[in-house]
C-alpha atoms as a PDB file:
ATOM      1  CA  MET A   1     -95.993-174.965 -12.521  1.00  0.00           C
ATOM      2  CA  ASN A   2     -99.593-175.003 -12.664  1.00  0.00           C
ATOM      3  CA  ASN A   3    -101.330-172.373 -10.133  1.00  0.00           C
ATOM      4  CA  LYS A   4    -104.977-174.257 -10.146  1.00  0.00           C
ATOM      5  CA  LEU A   5    -102.914-177.685  -8.618  1.00  0.00           C
ATOM      6  CA  SER A   6    -101.564-177.882  -4.878  1.00  0.00           C
ATOM      7  CA  ILE A   7     -99.429-181.058  -3.573  1.00  0.00           C
ATOM      8  CA  VAL A   8     -99.803-183.418  -0.631  1.00  0.00           C
ATOM      9  CA  ILE A   9     -97.733-185.749   0.815  1.00  0.00           C
ATOM     10  CA  ILE A  10     -99.008-188.126   3.794  1.00  0.00           C
ATOM     11  CA  ASN A  11     -95.405-188.837   5.318  1.00  0.00           C
ATOM     12  CA  TYR A  12     -95.752-191.423   8.306  1.00  0.00           C
ATOM     13  CA  ASN A  13     -91.467-192.258   9.212  1.00  0.00           C
ATOM     14  CA  SER A  14     -90.941-191.844   6.018  1.00  0.00           C
ATOM     15  CA  GLY A  15     -88.311-188.983   5.922  1.00  0.00           C
ATOM     16  CA  GLU A  16     -85.229-190.357   3.367  1.00  0.00           C
ATOM     17  CA  ASP A  17     -88.294-191.143   0.841  1.00  0.00           C
ATOM     18  CA  LEU A  18     -89.384-187.501   1.041  1.00  0.00           C
ATOM     19  CA  ARG A  19     -85.779-186.746  -0.676  1.00  0.00           C
ATOM     20  CA  LYS A  20     -86.386-188.197  -3.912  1.00  0.00           C
ATOM     21  CA  VAL A  21     -90.207-187.762  -4.234  1.00  0.00           C
ATOM     22  CA  ILE A  22     -89.722-183.787  -3.009  1.00  0.00           C
ATOM     23  CA  PRO A  23     -86.965-182.795  -5.788  1.00  0.00           C
ATOM     24  CA  THR A  24     -90.273-184.083  -8.542  1.00  0.00           C
ATOM     25  CA  VAL A  25     -92.616-182.162  -7.334  1.00  0.00           C
ATOM     26  CA  ILE A  26     -91.906-178.048  -5.947  1.00  0.00           C
ATOM     27  CA  ASN A  27     -91.723-176.491  -9.135  1.00  0.00           C
ATOM     28  CA  GLU A  28     -95.298-178.370 -10.124  1.00  0.00           C
ATOM     29  CA  ALA A  29     -97.272-176.539  -7.639  1.00  0.00           C
ATOM     30  CA  PRO A  30     -97.084-173.354  -5.944  1.00  0.00           C
ATOM     31  CA  GLU A  31     -97.384-174.428  -2.737  1.00  0.00           C
ATOM     32  CA  THR A  32     -96.785-178.171  -1.318  1.00  0.00           C
ATOM     33  CA  ILE A  33     -98.137-179.631   1.337  1.00  0.00           C
ATOM     34  CA  ILE A  34     -96.475-182.047   4.123  1.00  0.00           C
ATOM     35  CA  VAL A  35     -98.529-183.780   6.377  1.00  0.00           C
ATOM     36  CA  ASP A  36     -96.137-185.191   8.430  1.00  0.00           C
ATOM     37  CA  ASN A  37     -98.241-188.575  10.974  1.00  0.00           C
ATOM     38  CA  SER A  38     -94.722-189.452  12.005  1.00  0.00           C
ATOM     39  CA  THR A  39     -93.382-190.648  15.536  1.00  0.00           C
ATOM     40  CA  ASP A  40     -90.007-190.261  14.514  1.00  0.00           C
ATOM     41  CA  TYR A  41     -88.318-186.508  14.655  1.00  0.00           C
ATOM     42  CA  HIS A  42     -85.803-187.481  12.171  1.00  0.00           C
ATOM     43  CA  SER A  43     -88.647-187.710   8.796  1.00  0.00           C
ATOM     44  CA  PHE A  44     -89.839-184.294  10.780  1.00  0.00           C
ATOM     45  CA  GLU A  45     -85.970-182.297  10.148  1.00  0.00           C
ATOM     46  CA  ILE A  46     -86.039-184.072   6.201  1.00  0.00           C
ATOM     47  CA  ALA A  47     -89.660-182.668   5.786  1.00  0.00           C
ATOM     48  CA  CYS A  48     -88.500-179.151   7.234  1.00  0.00           C
ATOM     49  CA  SER A  49     -85.007-178.826   5.798  1.00  0.00           C
ATOM     50  CA  PHE A  50     -87.159-177.786   2.305  1.00  0.00           C
ATOM     51  CA  PRO A  51     -87.891-174.346   2.167  1.00  0.00           C
ATOM     52  CA  ASP A  52     -90.694-174.233  -0.084  1.00  0.00           C
ATOM     53  CA  THR A  53     -93.015-176.565   1.498  1.00  0.00           C
ATOM     54  CA  ILE A  54     -95.859-176.228   4.438  1.00  0.00           C
ATOM     55  CA  VAL A  55     -95.037-178.893   6.431  1.00  0.00           C
ATOM     56  CA  ILE A  56     -97.704-179.493   9.866  1.00  0.00           C
ATOM     57  CA  ARG A  57     -96.298-181.802  12.305  1.00  0.00           C
ATOM     58  CA  VAL A  58     -99.330-183.749  13.519  1.00  0.00           C
ATOM     59  CA  GLY A  59     -97.409-185.436  16.297  1.00  0.00           C
ATOM     60  CA  LYS A  60     -99.293-188.690  16.019  1.00  0.00           C
ATOM     61  CA  ASN A  61    -100.043-190.688  12.440  1.00  0.00           C
ATOM     62  CA  LEU A  62    -103.656-190.191  12.211  1.00  0.00           C
ATOM     63  CA  GLY A  63    -103.614-192.886   9.027  1.00  0.00           C
ATOM     64  CA  TYR A  64    -103.060-191.882   5.117  1.00  0.00           C
ATOM     65  CA  ALA A  65    -107.496-190.926   5.264  1.00  0.00           C
ATOM     66  CA  GLU A  66    -107.292-188.116   8.220  1.00  0.00           C
ATOM     67  CA  GLY A  67    -103.434-186.976   6.917  1.00  0.00           C
ATOM     68  CA  ALA A  68    -105.027-186.596   3.529  1.00  0.00           C
ATOM     69  CA  ASN A  69    -108.176-184.974   4.851  1.00  0.00           C
ATOM     70  CA  LEU A  70    -106.367-182.368   7.033  1.00  0.00           C
ATOM     71  CA  GLY A  71    -103.880-181.359   3.462  1.00  0.00           C
ATOM     72  CA  ILE A  72    -107.216-180.859   1.125  1.00  0.00           C
ATOM     73  CA  LYS A  73    -108.444-178.725   3.881  1.00  0.00           C
ATOM     74  CA  LEU A  74    -105.619-176.293   4.067  1.00  0.00           C
ATOM     75  CA  SER A  75    -104.923-176.659   0.167  1.00  0.00           C
ATOM     76  CA  LYS A  76    -106.275-174.104  -2.477  1.00  0.00           C
ATOM     77  CA  GLY A  77    -105.699-175.157  -5.695  1.00  0.00           C
ATOM     78  CA  GLU A  78    -108.414-175.922  -7.951  1.00  0.00           C
ATOM     79  CA  PHE A  79    -106.989-179.622  -8.526  1.00  0.00           C
ATOM     80  CA  VAL A  80    -105.691-181.288  -5.491  1.00  0.00           C
ATOM     81  CA  ALA A  81    -102.770-184.301  -5.692  1.00  0.00           C
ATOM     82  CA  ILE A  82    -102.073-186.890  -3.208  1.00  0.00           C
ATOM     83  CA  LEU A  83     -98.596-188.944  -2.543  1.00  0.00           C
ATOM     84  CA  ASN A  84     -97.323-191.562  -0.371  1.00  0.00           C
ATOM     85  CA  PRO A  85     -93.652-190.250  -0.076  1.00  0.00           C
ATOM     86  CA  ASP A  86     -92.410-193.282  -1.536  1.00  0.00           C
ATOM     87  CA  THR A  87     -92.911-191.986  -5.397  1.00  0.00           C
ATOM     88  CA  TYR A  88     -91.894-189.684  -7.593  1.00  0.00           C
ATOM     89  CA  PHE A  89     -92.446-188.655 -10.998  1.00  0.00           C
ATOM     90  CA  THR A  90     -91.549-187.560 -14.257  1.00  0.00           C
ATOM     91  CA  LYS A  91     -91.150-183.700 -16.016  1.00  0.00           C
ATOM     92  CA  GLY A  92     -94.902-182.358 -16.616  1.00  0.00           C
ATOM     93  CA  TYR A  93     -96.960-185.523 -14.861  1.00  0.00           C
ATOM     94  CA  PHE A  94     -99.232-183.398 -13.229  1.00  0.00           C
ATOM     95  CA  LYS A  95     -99.720-181.495 -16.384  1.00  0.00           C
ATOM     96  CA  LYS A  96    -100.397-183.737 -18.333  1.00  0.00           C
ATOM     97  CA  LEU A  97    -103.117-184.917 -15.982  1.00  0.00           C
ATOM     98  CA  ILE A  98    -105.049-181.345 -15.706  1.00  0.00           C
ATOM     99  CA  GLU A  99    -104.803-181.205 -19.199  1.00  0.00           C
ATOM    100  CA  LYS A 100    -107.051-183.548 -19.402  1.00  0.00           C
ATOM    101  CA  MET A 101    -109.281-183.120 -16.457  1.00  0.00           C
ATOM    102  CA  GLU A 102    -109.713-179.605 -17.734  1.00  0.00           C
ATOM    103  CA  LYS A 103    -110.386-180.688 -21.387  1.00  0.00           C
ATOM    104  CA  GLU A 104    -112.824-183.026 -19.787  1.00  0.00           C
ATOM    105  CA  GLU A 105    -115.581-181.374 -16.696  1.00  0.00           C
ATOM    106  CA  SER A 106    -117.234-184.810 -15.583  1.00  0.00           C
ATOM    107  CA  LEU A 107    -113.445-186.284 -14.966  1.00  0.00           C
ATOM    108  CA  GLY A 108    -113.165-186.045 -10.656  1.00  0.00           C
ATOM    109  CA  THR A 109    -109.924-188.159 -10.820  1.00  0.00           C
ATOM    110  CA  ALA A 110    -107.302-188.638 -12.530  1.00  0.00           C
ATOM    111  CA  THR A 111    -103.527-190.865 -12.654  1.00  0.00           C
ATOM    112  CA  GLY A 112    -100.421-191.868 -14.784  1.00  0.00           C
ATOM    113  CA  LYS A 113     -98.571-195.146 -15.347  1.00  0.00           C
ATOM    114  CA  ILE A 114     -97.167-195.804 -12.062  1.00  0.00           C
ATOM    115  CA  LEU A 115     -94.317-198.414 -12.251  1.00  0.00           C
ATOM    116  CA  ARG A 116     -92.186-200.122  -9.272  1.00  0.00           C
ATOM    117  CA  PHE A 117     -88.272-198.099  -8.827  1.00  0.00           C
ATOM    118  CA  ASP A 118     -86.882-200.542 -10.507  1.00  0.00           C
ATOM    119  CA  LYS A 119     -88.681-198.906 -13.947  1.00  0.00           C
ATOM    120  CA  LYS A 120     -89.644-202.747 -15.158  1.00  0.00           C
ATOM    121  CA  THR A 121     -92.777-203.014 -13.386  1.00  0.00           C
ATOM    122  CA  LEU A 122     -96.522-201.742 -13.132  1.00  0.00           C
ATOM    123  CA  ASP A 123     -97.377-201.037  -9.908  1.00  0.00           C
ATOM    124  CA  THR A 124    -101.026-199.854 -11.180  1.00  0.00           C
ATOM    125  CA  THR A 125    -102.267-197.826 -14.113  1.00  0.00           C
ATOM    126  CA  GLY A 126    -105.817-197.578 -12.533  1.00  0.00           C
ATOM    127  CA  GLN A 127    -108.257-199.581 -10.030  1.00  0.00           C
ATOM    128  CA  PHE A 128    -111.021-201.692 -11.149  1.00  0.00           C
ATOM    129  CA  ARG A 129    -114.115-203.139  -9.610  1.00  0.00           C
ATOM    130  CA  THR A 130    -114.560-207.175  -8.995  1.00  0.00           C
ATOM    131  CA  LEU A 131    -116.877-209.175  -8.851  1.00  0.00           C
ATOM    132  CA  ALA A 132    -116.020-209.130  -5.407  1.00  0.00           C
ATOM    133  CA  ASP A 133    -116.360-205.619  -4.515  1.00  0.00           C
ATOM    134  CA  ARG A 134    -112.327-205.297  -3.897  1.00  0.00           C
ATOM    135  CA  PRO A 135    -110.015-202.736  -5.357  1.00  0.00           C
ATOM    136  CA  LYS A 136    -107.395-204.377  -8.173  1.00  0.00           C
ATOM    137  CA  GLU A 137    -104.914-201.944  -9.225  1.00  0.00           C
ATOM    138  CA  ARG A 138    -104.604-202.848 -13.041  1.00  0.00           C
ATOM    139  CA  GLY A 139    -100.928-204.341 -14.223  1.00  0.00           C
ATOM    140  CA  TYR A 140    -100.079-204.977 -10.843  1.00  0.00           C
ATOM    141  CA  GLY A 141     -96.790-206.896 -10.923  1.00  0.00           C
ATOM    142  CA  LYS A 142     -96.594-206.637 -14.404  1.00  0.00           C
ATOM    143  CA  LYS A 143     -94.042-205.899 -16.694  1.00  0.00           C
ATOM    144  CA  SER A 144     -93.912-202.358 -17.803  1.00  0.00           C
ATOM    145  CA  THR A 145     -93.597-203.587 -21.967  1.00  0.00           C
ATOM    146  CA  VAL A 146     -97.213-204.482 -20.987  1.00  0.00           C
ATOM    147  CA  GLY A 147     -99.731-201.764 -22.763  1.00  0.00           C
ATOM    148  CA  TYR A 148    -102.593-200.185 -21.517  1.00  0.00           C
ATOM    149  CA  LYS A 149    -103.756-197.349 -22.902  1.00  0.00           C
ATOM    150  CA  SER A 150    -105.502-193.835 -21.511  1.00  0.00           C
ATOM    151  CA  GLY A 151    -109.048-194.422 -20.933  1.00  0.00           C
ATOM    152  CA  ASN A 152    -111.813-194.590 -18.126  1.00  0.00           C
ATOM    153  CA  VAL A 153    -111.291-196.740 -15.142  1.00  0.00           C
ATOM    154  CA  PHE A 154    -112.391-196.806 -11.561  1.00  0.00           C
ATOM    155  CA  SER A 155    -110.680-194.992  -9.302  1.00  0.00           C
ATOM    156  CA  ALA A 156    -107.876-195.022  -8.608  1.00  0.00           C
ATOM    157  CA  CYS A 157    -104.525-196.101  -6.568  1.00  0.00           C
ATOM    158  CA  GLY A 158    -104.518-193.373  -3.267  1.00  0.00           C
ATOM    159  CA  ALA A 159    -100.617-193.450  -4.128  1.00  0.00           C
ATOM    160  CA  ALA A 160    -100.511-191.328  -6.620  1.00  0.00           C
ATOM    161  CA  VAL A 161    -103.555-189.333  -7.208  1.00  0.00           C
ATOM    162  CA  LEU A 162    -104.346-186.155  -9.097  1.00  0.00           C
ATOM    163  CA  TYR A 163    -108.414-185.085  -7.890  1.00  0.00           C
ATOM    164  CA  ARG A 164    -110.324-182.038  -8.706  1.00  0.00           C
ATOM    165  CA  ARG A 165    -111.430-180.442  -5.841  1.00  0.00           C
ATOM    166  CA  LYS A 166    -114.972-179.878  -7.033  1.00  0.00           C
ATOM    167  CA  ALA A 167    -115.396-183.920  -7.401  1.00  0.00           C
ATOM    168  CA  LEU A 168    -114.318-183.613  -3.269  1.00  0.00           C
ATOM    169  CA  GLU A 169    -116.262-181.349  -1.964  1.00  0.00           C
ATOM    170  CA  SER A 170    -119.489-182.964  -3.342  1.00  0.00           C
ATOM    171  CA  ILE A 171    -118.847-186.277  -1.745  1.00  0.00           C
ATOM    172  CA  LYS A 172    -117.811-184.609   1.732  1.00  0.00           C
ATOM    173  CA  ASP A 173    -119.514-185.792   4.447  1.00  0.00           C
ATOM    174  CA  LYS A 174    -119.223-185.928   8.241  1.00  0.00           C
ATOM    175  CA  HIS A 175    -116.415-188.054   8.142  1.00  0.00           C
ATOM    176  CA  GLY A 176    -114.223-185.867   5.538  1.00  0.00           C
ATOM    177  CA  TYR A 177    -113.286-186.720   1.639  1.00  0.00           C
ATOM    178  CA  PHE A 178    -111.938-189.847   2.613  1.00  0.00           C
ATOM    179  CA  ASP A 179    -113.618-191.460   5.156  1.00  0.00           C
ATOM    180  CA  SER A 180    -111.761-190.845   8.750  1.00  0.00           C
ATOM    181  CA  ARG A 181    -112.682-194.180   9.906  1.00  0.00           C
ATOM    182  CA  TYR A 182    -110.309-196.269   7.318  1.00  0.00           C
ATOM    183  CA  PHE A 183    -107.324-194.886   8.745  1.00  0.00           C
ATOM    184  CA  VAL A 184    -105.722-196.610   5.693  1.00  0.00           C
ATOM    185  CA  PHE A 185    -106.222-199.707   2.699  1.00  0.00           C
ATOM    186  CA  PHE A 186    -109.583-199.342   0.533  1.00  0.00           C
ATOM    187  CA  GLU A 187    -110.582-195.333   1.400  1.00  0.00           C
ATOM    188  CA  ASP A 188    -109.220-193.984  -1.898  1.00  0.00           C
ATOM    189  CA  PHE A 189    -111.636-197.194  -3.458  1.00  0.00           C
ATOM    190  CA  ASP A 190    -114.185-196.298  -1.233  1.00  0.00           C
ATOM    191  CA  LEU A 191    -113.834-192.159  -2.002  1.00  0.00           C
ATOM    192  CA  GLY A 192    -113.335-193.367  -6.108  1.00  0.00           C
ATOM    193  CA  TRP A 193    -116.685-195.409  -5.790  1.00  0.00           C
ATOM    194  CA  ARG A 194    -118.322-192.418  -3.674  1.00  0.00           C
ATOM    195  CA  LEU A 195    -117.243-189.907  -6.726  1.00  0.00           C
ATOM    196  CA  ARG A 196    -118.852-192.715  -8.756  1.00  0.00           C
ATOM    197  CA  LYS A 197    -122.436-192.518  -7.343  1.00  0.00           C
ATOM    198  CA  LYS A 198    -121.918-188.819  -8.122  1.00  0.00           C
ATOM    199  CA  GLY A 199    -121.319-188.667 -11.316  1.00  0.00           C
ATOM    200  CA  TRP A 200    -117.459-188.151 -11.996  1.00  0.00           C
ATOM    201  CA  LYS A 201    -115.281-190.434 -14.168  1.00  0.00           C
ATOM    202  CA  ALA A 202    -111.746-191.346 -13.400  1.00  0.00           C
ATOM    203  CA  TRP A 203    -109.004-190.749 -16.153  1.00  0.00           C
ATOM    204  CA  PHE A 204    -105.696-193.220 -16.743  1.00  0.00           C
ATOM    205  CA  ARG A 205    -103.274-191.087 -18.840  1.00  0.00           C
ATOM    206  CA  GLU A 206    -100.723-193.667 -19.893  1.00  0.00           C
ATOM    207  CA  ASP A 207     -97.879-191.227 -20.919  1.00  0.00           C
ATOM    208  CA  ALA A 208     -97.707-189.496 -16.909  1.00  0.00           C
ATOM    209  CA  ILE A 209     -95.755-191.262 -15.911  1.00  0.00           C
ATOM    210  CA  GLY A 210     -94.205-191.974 -11.951  1.00  0.00           C
ATOM    211  CA  TYR A 211     -92.766-194.516  -9.552  1.00  0.00           C
ATOM    212  CA  HIS A 212     -93.504-196.062  -6.655  1.00  0.00           C
ATOM    213  CA  ARG A 213     -91.582-198.704  -4.029  1.00  0.00           C
ATOM    214  CA  ARG A 214     -95.067-200.181  -2.744  1.00  0.00           C
ATOM    215  CA  GLY A 215     -93.789-200.251   1.064  1.00  0.00           C
ATOM    216  CA  GLY A 216     -95.942-201.433   4.291  1.00  0.00           C
ATOM    217  CA  ILE A 217     -94.982-205.156   3.594  1.00  0.00           C
ATOM    218  CA  LYS A 218     -92.846-207.208   2.552  1.00  0.00           C
ATOM    219  CA  ARG A 219     -91.564-205.633  -0.877  1.00  0.00           C
ATOM    220  CA  GLY A 220     -91.759-209.140  -3.597  1.00  0.00           C
ATOM    221  CA  ALA A 221     -93.879-210.238  -1.767  1.00  0.00           C
ATOM    222  CA  LYS A 222     -96.702-212.651  -3.287  1.00  0.00           C
ATOM    223  CA  PHE A 223     -99.551-212.610  -0.527  1.00  0.00           C
ATOM    224  CA  PRO A 224     -99.268-208.867   0.608  1.00  0.00           C
ATOM    225  CA  PHE A 225    -102.366-209.289   3.395  1.00  0.00           C
ATOM    226  CA  LEU A 226    -100.480-212.293   4.947  1.00  0.00           C
ATOM    227  CA  LYS A 227     -97.392-210.058   5.745  1.00  0.00           C
ATOM    228  CA  LEU A 228     -99.501-206.991   6.996  1.00  0.00           C
ATOM    229  CA  SER A 229     -99.756-207.741  10.898  1.00  0.00           C
ATOM    230  CA  PRO A 230    -102.781-209.026  13.268  1.00  0.00           C
ATOM    231  CA  GLN A 231    -104.628-205.558  13.393  1.00  0.00           C
ATOM    232  CA  MET A 232    -103.738-204.200  10.110  1.00  0.00           C
ATOM    233  CA  LYS A 233    -105.494-207.186   8.394  1.00  0.00           C
ATOM    234  CA  ALA A 234    -107.913-206.747  10.891  1.00  0.00           C
ATOM    235  CA  ILE A 235    -108.318-202.839   9.832  1.00  0.00           C
ATOM    236  CA  VAL A 236    -108.550-204.135   6.146  1.00  0.00           C
ATOM    237  CA  VAL A 237    -111.383-206.864   6.566  1.00  0.00           C
ATOM    238  CA  ARG A 238    -113.671-204.568   8.505  1.00  0.00           C
ATOM    239  CA  ASN A 239    -112.728-202.027   5.808  1.00  0.00           C
ATOM    240  CA  TYR A 240    -113.707-203.761   3.043  1.00  0.00           C
ATOM    241  CA  TRP A 241    -116.727-205.097   4.323  1.00  0.00           C
ATOM    242  CA  LEU A 242    -117.740-200.456   5.415  1.00  0.00           C
ATOM    243  CA  THR A 243    -117.086-199.675   1.806  1.00  0.00           C
ATOM    244  CA  ILE A 244    -119.768-202.254   0.275  1.00  0.00           C
ATOM    245  CA  ALA A 245    -122.304-202.054   3.249  1.00  0.00           C
ATOM    246  CA  LYS A 246    -122.004-197.844   2.561  1.00  0.00           C
ATOM    247  CA  ASN A 247    -122.167-197.996  -1.854  1.00  0.00           C
ATOM    248  CA  GLU A 248    -123.111-201.353  -2.902  1.00  0.00           C
ATOM    249  CA  SER A 249    -126.780-201.323  -3.770  1.00  0.00           C
ATOM    250  CA  ILE A 250    -128.794-203.870  -2.723  1.00  0.00           C
ATOM    251  CA  ILE A 251    -129.097-205.809  -6.132  1.00  0.00           C
ATOM    252  CA  GLY A 252    -125.843-204.934  -7.016  1.00  0.00           C
ATOM    253  CA  PHE A 253    -125.138-206.991  -3.294  1.00  0.00           C
ATOM    254  CA  ILE A 254    -127.308-209.802  -4.227  1.00  0.00           C
ATOM    255  CA  LEU A 255    -125.923-210.744  -7.266  1.00  0.00           C
ATOM    256  CA  LYS A 256    -122.174-210.566  -6.024  1.00  0.00           C
ATOM    257  CA  LEU A 257    -123.020-212.504  -2.610  1.00  0.00           C
ATOM    258  CA  PRO A 258    -121.667-214.797  -3.854  1.00  0.00           C
ATOM    259  CA  PHE A 259    -117.877-213.734  -4.648  1.00  0.00           C
ATOM    260  CA  ILE A 260    -118.881-211.221  -1.640  1.00  0.00           C
ATOM    261  CA  LEU A 261    -118.512-214.594   0.330  1.00  0.00           C
ATOM    262  CA  ALA A 262    -116.099-216.680  -0.810  1.00  0.00           C
ATOM    263  CA  ARG A 263    -113.717-213.553  -0.111  1.00  0.00           C
ATOM    264  CA  SER A 264    -114.551-212.980   3.150  1.00  0.00           C
ATOM    265  CA  VAL A 265    -114.950-216.920   4.245  1.00  0.00           C
ATOM    266  CA  LEU A 266    -110.593-217.047   2.446  1.00  0.00           C
ATOM    267  CA  LEU A 267    -109.912-213.383   4.888  1.00  0.00           C
ATOM    268  CA  LEU A 268    -111.807-215.034   7.790  1.00  0.00           C
ATOM    269  CA  ALA A 269    -109.909-218.430   7.284  1.00  0.00           C
ATOM    270  CA  VAL A 270    -106.523-216.650   7.269  1.00  0.00           C
ATOM    271  CA  LEU A 271    -107.217-213.781  10.458  1.00  0.00           C
ATOM    272  CA  SER A 272    -108.442-217.134  12.117  1.00  0.00           C
ATOM    273  CA  LEU A 273    -104.511-218.161  11.650  1.00  0.00           C
ATOM    274  CA  THR A 274    -103.939-215.665  14.522  1.00  0.00           C
ATOM    275  CA  PRO A 275    -106.350-215.672  17.250  1.00  0.00           C
ATOM    276  CA  SER A 276    -105.557-212.112  18.145  1.00  0.00           C
ATOM    277  CA  SER A 277    -106.561-210.601  14.518  1.00  0.00           C
ATOM    278  CA  LEU A 278    -110.235-211.669  14.930  1.00  0.00           C
ATOM    279  CA  LYS A 279    -110.356-209.587  18.197  1.00  0.00           C
ATOM    280  CA  PHE A 280    -109.100-206.678  16.541  1.00  0.00           C
ATOM    281  CA  LEU A 281    -111.280-206.942  13.952  1.00  0.00           C
ATOM    282  CA  TYR A 282    -114.679-207.912  16.738  1.00  0.00           C
ATOM    283  CA  HIS A 283    -113.243-204.068  18.332  1.00  0.00           C
ATOM    284  CA  LYS A 284    -112.100-202.660  14.964  1.00  0.00           C
ATOM    285  CA  ILE A 285    -115.780-202.971  13.792  1.00  0.00           C
ATOM    286  CA  ARG A 286    -117.296-201.763  17.183  1.00  0.00           C
ATOM    287  CA  GLU A 287    -116.080-198.512  16.076  1.00  0.00           C
ATOM    288  CA  VAL A 288    -117.651-197.443  13.087  1.00  0.00           C
ATOM    289  CA  ILE A 289    -121.118-198.950  13.963  1.00  0.00           C
END
């Protein structure tokens, strides 16, 4: 057990998933906090069935960003792991990440090699930033045998990520650690970008292994954005633009404008197929102005 570690799991109607993840993390840290955004009582009951966990019953869906902020605020560790419930980890996953972060004070973020549940497919080995200023999960969908060596990445997927508390405190603002306005999508990329602007680095460690089912959309979907509800599509587009507006420099925006425009036109074309998405987009933009 690492006394410097706190684990925060953001749960939304995923009680059965908790049965898989909690046994793999409960002995890794002195505190495991479950922020339960669930609307079904069954998930809350399962969360409470583990005696060595702290369960925060929210009573409504705060979303990933605000739920994570609540967990971070309540946690005490020098390092804070933020996890989705549809994950689980090999023994020593967090120990390996913390070992590296303790050796390099400039590291604010760390993640391991995250596979899908089939153990044959990569889910993420860290995030990179594309020319269109969107996050790209390195290795997404590729065979697990594809080798990615330990090293720096731009940011890390919020499904299974470790942060240094000092780094989180350095970027906290009126919207929290994660920007609570995001609800879900891009919040991990935005936080990673803000950390980089403060001088913090992110690290991928190849021998720290975890697993992520990647829920929320139909598994195996070739174009996952198309499978989202109209409201979720609107949130994706809003958050994409918000992330650029918050973090990109004027010179960077000018240089990348052709790529950003191309990406935006494509997203808007998809939204136009369901007019309600455009209506949602209008209201979602007004929420953050």
